[in-house]
């Protein structure tokens, strides 16, 4: 069994308040979960309007399957018009 965890930092450039940021992040998390069936959570409370750190995880039988899925998630975030990807860190267990 392979567990992969991504820590992703994103910029929400159009957010003018914490409420704006939370709305964008909530939508992003729900769409990511629905599309890729991964667990997603905002992992650090961040009072900056335009930044968020997300933890994204999945489990699989083979490492290449898990890596491919999380690469697809990363590419999907990168292609999003709502956020800009700042940093990605991956950890395999």
N, C-alpha and C. Protein backbone atom coordinates (compact mmCIF):
# COMPACT_ATOMS: atom_id res chain seq x y z
N UNK A 1 0.85 -1.18 0.00
CA UNK A 1 0.00 0.00 0.00
C UNK A 1 0.90 1.24 0.00
N UNK A 2 0.56 2.19 -0.86
CA UNK A 2 1.31 3.43 -0.99
C UNK A 2 0.39 4.59 -0.61
N UNK A 3 0.87 5.44 0.27
CA UNK A 3 0.16 6.66 0.65
C UNK A 3 0.98 7.83 0.16
N UNK A 4 0.36 8.71 -0.58
CA UNK A 4 1.04 9.89 -1.09
C UNK A 4 0.34 11.12 -0.57
N UNK A 5 1.15 12.07 -0.13
CA UNK A 5 0.62 13.33 0.40
C UNK A 5 1.28 14.48 -0.34
N UNK A 6 0.47 15.36 -0.87
CA UNK A 6 0.97 16.59 -1.47
C UNK A 6 0.67 17.74 -0.53
N UNK A 7 1.63 18.62 -0.38
CA UNK A 7 1.40 19.88 0.29
C UNK A 7 1.53 20.95 -0.78
N UNK A 8 0.45 21.68 -1.00
CA UNK A 8 0.37 22.63 -2.09
C UNK A 8 0.09 24.01 -1.53
N UNK A 9 0.86 24.99 -1.99
CA UNK A 9 0.58 26.37 -1.62
C UNK A 9 0.08 27.07 -2.88
N UNK A 10 -1.05 27.76 -2.74
CA UNK A 10 -1.65 28.46 -3.88
C UNK A 10 -1.88 29.92 -3.55
N UNK A 11 -1.92 30.71 -4.60
CA UNK A 11 -2.25 32.12 -4.52
C UNK A 11 -3.64 32.30 -5.11
N UNK A 12 -4.48 33.05 -4.42
CA UNK A 12 -5.83 33.35 -4.91
C UNK A 12 -5.81 34.83 -5.30
N UNK A 13 -5.42 35.15 -6.53
CA UNK A 13 -5.15 36.54 -6.89
C UNK A 13 -6.36 37.48 -6.85
N UNK A 14 -7.56 36.95 -7.06
CA UNK A 14 -8.74 37.82 -7.09
C UNK A 14 -9.39 38.02 -5.73
N UNK A 15 -8.87 37.37 -4.69
CA UNK A 15 -9.48 37.48 -3.36
C UNK A 15 -9.22 38.86 -2.78
N UNK A 16 -10.28 39.48 -2.32
CA UNK A 16 -10.18 40.80 -1.68
C UNK A 16 -10.42 40.72 -0.18
N UNK A 17 -10.75 39.51 0.29
CA UNK A 17 -11.00 39.30 1.72
C UNK A 17 -10.83 37.81 2.03
N UNK A 18 -10.83 37.49 3.31
CA UNK A 18 -10.76 36.08 3.71
C UNK A 18 -11.99 35.32 3.22
N UNK A 19 -13.13 36.00 3.21
CA UNK A 19 -14.35 35.37 2.73
C UNK A 19 -14.22 34.97 1.25
N UNK A 20 -13.65 35.85 0.44
CA UNK A 20 -13.41 35.54 -0.97
C UNK A 20 -12.48 34.33 -1.11
N UNK A 21 -11.39 34.34 -0.34
CA UNK A 21 -10.43 33.25 -0.40
C UNK A 21 -11.08 31.93 -0.01
N UNK A 22 -11.84 31.94 1.07
CA UNK A 22 -12.48 30.70 1.54
C UNK A 22 -13.46 30.15 0.51
N UNK A 23 -14.17 31.02 -0.18
CA UNK A 23 -15.12 30.58 -1.20
C UNK A 23 -14.39 29.89 -2.36
N UNK A 24 -13.30 30.47 -2.80
CA UNK A 24 -12.52 29.89 -3.90
C UNK A 24 -11.91 28.56 -3.47
N UNK A 25 -11.33 28.52 -2.27
CA UNK A 25 -10.68 27.30 -1.79
C UNK A 25 -11.71 26.19 -1.57
N UNK A 26 -12.87 26.52 -1.04
CA UNK A 26 -13.91 25.52 -0.83
C UNK A 26 -14.34 24.92 -2.17
N UNK A 27 -14.55 25.75 -3.16
CA UNK A 27 -14.94 25.28 -4.48
C UNK A 27 -13.84 24.41 -5.09
N UNK A 28 -12.60 24.84 -4.97
CA UNK A 28 -11.47 24.09 -5.50
C UNK A 28 -11.38 22.71 -4.84
N UNK A 29 -11.52 22.66 -3.51
CA UNK A 29 -11.46 21.40 -2.79
C UNK A 29 -12.57 20.45 -3.22
N UNK A 30 -13.79 20.95 -3.34
CA UNK A 30 -14.93 20.11 -3.72
C UNK A 30 -14.77 19.55 -5.13
N UNK A 31 -14.32 20.40 -6.07
CA UNK A 31 -14.14 19.94 -7.45
C UNK A 31 -13.00 18.94 -7.55
N UNK A 32 -11.92 19.17 -6.79
CA UNK A 32 -10.79 18.26 -6.79
C UNK A 32 -11.19 16.89 -6.24
N UNK A 33 -11.94 16.89 -5.15
CA UNK A 33 -12.40 15.63 -4.56
C UNK A 33 -13.32 14.89 -5.52
N UNK A 34 -14.24 15.61 -6.12
CA UNK A 34 -15.18 14.98 -7.05
C UNK A 34 -14.52 14.44 -8.31
N UNK A 35 -13.55 15.16 -8.82
CA UNK A 35 -12.91 14.77 -10.08
C UNK A 35 -11.87 13.66 -9.90
N UNK A 36 -11.08 13.74 -8.81
CA UNK A 36 -9.95 12.82 -8.64
C UNK A 36 -10.12 11.83 -7.48
N UNK A 37 -11.16 12.00 -6.68
CA UNK A 37 -11.40 11.16 -5.52
C UNK A 37 -10.20 11.15 -4.56
N UNK A 38 -9.71 12.33 -4.24
CA UNK A 38 -8.61 12.49 -3.29
C UNK A 38 -9.14 13.21 -2.06
N UNK A 39 -8.44 13.04 -0.95
CA UNK A 39 -8.79 13.78 0.26
C UNK A 39 -8.08 15.13 0.21
N UNK A 40 -8.80 16.20 0.51
CA UNK A 40 -8.25 17.55 0.44
C UNK A 40 -8.64 18.31 1.69
N UNK A 41 -7.66 19.02 2.27
CA UNK A 41 -7.95 19.86 3.44
C UNK A 41 -7.03 21.07 3.43
N UNK A 42 -7.54 22.18 3.93
CA UNK A 42 -6.67 23.33 4.15
C UNK A 42 -5.89 23.01 5.42
N UNK A 43 -4.56 22.95 5.31
CA UNK A 43 -3.76 22.38 6.39
C UNK A 43 -3.16 23.40 7.35
N UNK A 44 -3.10 24.63 6.96
CA UNK A 44 -2.58 25.64 7.87
C UNK A 44 -3.53 26.82 7.89
N UNK A 45 -3.94 27.22 9.06
CA UNK A 45 -4.77 28.42 9.10
C UNK A 45 -3.92 29.60 8.63
N UNK A 46 -4.41 30.28 7.65
CA UNK A 46 -3.64 31.38 7.09
C UNK A 46 -4.56 32.58 6.97
N UNK A 47 -4.23 33.62 7.66
CA UNK A 47 -5.07 34.81 7.67
C UNK A 47 -4.73 35.78 6.54
N UNK A 48 -3.85 35.34 5.63
CA UNK A 48 -3.57 36.16 4.46
C UNK A 48 -4.67 35.93 3.44
N UNK A 49 -5.18 36.99 2.87
CA UNK A 49 -6.30 36.89 1.95
C UNK A 49 -6.03 36.02 0.75
N UNK A 50 -4.81 36.07 0.26
CA UNK A 50 -4.57 35.50 -1.05
C UNK A 50 -3.74 34.22 -1.05
N UNK A 51 -3.43 33.66 0.10
CA UNK A 51 -2.63 32.43 0.12
C UNK A 51 -3.33 31.34 0.91
N UNK A 52 -3.13 30.11 0.44
CA UNK A 52 -3.69 28.96 1.15
C UNK A 52 -2.75 27.77 0.95
N UNK A 53 -2.68 26.94 1.99
CA UNK A 53 -1.91 25.70 1.91
C UNK A 53 -2.88 24.54 2.04
N UNK A 54 -2.80 23.63 1.08
CA UNK A 54 -3.70 22.48 1.04
C UNK A 54 -2.91 21.19 1.19
N UNK A 55 -3.50 20.24 1.88
CA UNK A 55 -2.97 18.88 1.94
C UNK A 55 -3.86 18.01 1.09
N UNK A 56 -3.25 17.25 0.20
CA UNK A 56 -3.99 16.39 -0.72
C UNK A 56 -3.40 14.99 -0.59
N UNK A 57 -4.25 13.99 -0.37
CA UNK A 57 -3.70 12.65 -0.21
C UNK A 57 -4.54 11.61 -0.94
N UNK A 58 -3.86 10.51 -1.26
CA UNK A 58 -4.51 9.36 -1.88
C UNK A 58 -3.73 8.10 -1.52
N UNK A 59 -4.40 6.97 -1.65
CA UNK A 59 -3.80 5.67 -1.34
C UNK A 59 -3.98 4.77 -2.55
N UNK A 60 -2.98 3.94 -2.82
CA UNK A 60 -3.09 3.00 -3.92
C UNK A 60 -2.19 1.79 -3.71
N UNK A 61 -2.35 0.81 -4.59
CA UNK A 61 -1.56 -0.42 -4.49
C UNK A 61 -0.18 -0.27 -5.11
N UNK A 62 -0.06 0.58 -6.12
CA UNK A 62 1.21 0.73 -6.82
C UNK A 62 1.63 2.19 -6.84
N UNK A 63 2.92 2.40 -6.66
CA UNK A 63 3.44 3.77 -6.56
C UNK A 63 3.20 4.57 -7.83
N UNK A 64 3.36 3.95 -9.00
CA UNK A 64 3.22 4.69 -10.25
C UNK A 64 1.79 5.19 -10.44
N UNK A 65 0.81 4.43 -9.95
CA UNK A 65 -0.59 4.84 -10.06
C UNK A 65 -0.84 6.07 -9.19
N UNK A 66 -0.33 6.03 -7.98
CA UNK A 66 -0.50 7.14 -7.04
C UNK A 66 0.23 8.38 -7.55
N UNK A 67 1.45 8.20 -8.03
CA UNK A 67 2.22 9.34 -8.57
C UNK A 67 1.52 9.96 -9.76
N UNK A 68 1.00 9.13 -10.65
CA UNK A 68 0.31 9.64 -11.83
C UNK A 68 -0.92 10.45 -11.45
N UNK A 69 -1.71 9.93 -10.51
CA UNK A 69 -2.91 10.64 -10.07
C UNK A 69 -2.56 12.00 -9.49
N UNK A 70 -1.57 12.05 -8.63
CA UNK A 70 -1.24 13.34 -8.00
C UNK A 70 -0.55 14.29 -8.98
N UNK A 71 0.10 13.76 -10.01
CA UNK A 71 0.62 14.61 -11.08
C UNK A 71 -0.54 15.24 -11.84
N UNK A 72 -1.59 14.45 -12.07
CA UNK A 72 -2.78 14.98 -12.74
C UNK A 72 -3.44 16.07 -11.89
N UNK A 73 -3.50 15.85 -10.58
CA UNK A 73 -4.06 16.85 -9.67
C UNK A 73 -3.23 18.14 -9.75
N UNK A 74 -1.91 18.00 -9.70
CA UNK A 74 -1.03 19.17 -9.77
C UNK A 74 -1.22 19.92 -11.08
N UNK A 75 -1.29 19.20 -12.19
CA UNK A 75 -1.51 19.82 -13.50
C UNK A 75 -2.86 20.53 -13.55
N UNK A 76 -3.87 19.91 -12.94
CA UNK A 76 -5.21 20.50 -12.92
C UNK A 76 -5.21 21.81 -12.12
N UNK A 77 -4.53 21.82 -10.98
CA UNK A 77 -4.43 23.05 -10.18
C UNK A 77 -3.69 24.11 -10.98
N UNK A 78 -2.59 23.71 -11.61
CA UNK A 78 -1.77 24.64 -12.40
C UNK A 78 -2.61 25.27 -13.52
N UNK A 79 -3.53 24.53 -14.10
CA UNK A 79 -4.36 25.02 -15.20
C UNK A 79 -5.56 25.85 -14.72
N UNK A 80 -5.81 25.84 -13.42
CA UNK A 80 -6.96 26.57 -12.87
C UNK A 80 -6.79 28.08 -13.07
N UNK A 81 -7.90 28.73 -13.37
CA UNK A 81 -7.87 30.19 -13.53
C UNK A 81 -8.15 30.90 -12.22
N UNK A 82 -8.58 30.16 -11.20
CA UNK A 82 -8.92 30.77 -9.92
C UNK A 82 -7.73 30.93 -9.00
N UNK A 83 -6.74 30.04 -9.15
CA UNK A 83 -5.57 30.07 -8.27
C UNK A 83 -4.30 29.93 -9.09
N UNK A 84 -3.20 30.36 -8.48
CA UNK A 84 -1.88 30.16 -9.08
C UNK A 84 -1.08 29.27 -8.14
N UNK A 85 -0.45 28.27 -8.69
CA UNK A 85 0.34 27.33 -7.90
C UNK A 85 1.67 27.98 -7.53
N UNK A 86 1.97 27.99 -6.23
CA UNK A 86 3.21 28.58 -5.75
C UNK A 86 4.24 27.50 -5.47
N UNK A 87 3.83 26.45 -4.75
CA UNK A 87 4.78 25.43 -4.33
C UNK A 87 4.07 24.09 -4.17
N UNK A 88 4.80 23.00 -4.50
CA UNK A 88 4.29 21.64 -4.33
C UNK A 88 5.37 20.80 -3.70
N UNK A 89 5.02 20.10 -2.64
CA UNK A 89 5.92 19.14 -1.99
C UNK A 89 5.19 17.81 -1.90
N UNK A 90 5.86 16.73 -2.31
CA UNK A 90 5.26 15.40 -2.26
C UNK A 90 6.00 14.53 -1.25
N UNK A 91 5.23 13.67 -0.58
CA UNK A 91 5.81 12.73 0.37
C UNK A 91 5.10 11.39 0.21
N UNK A 92 5.89 10.33 0.04
CA UNK A 92 5.35 8.98 -0.12
C UNK A 92 5.61 8.19 1.12
N UNK A 93 4.62 7.46 1.59
CA UNK A 93 4.76 6.63 2.78
C UNK A 93 4.43 5.19 2.43
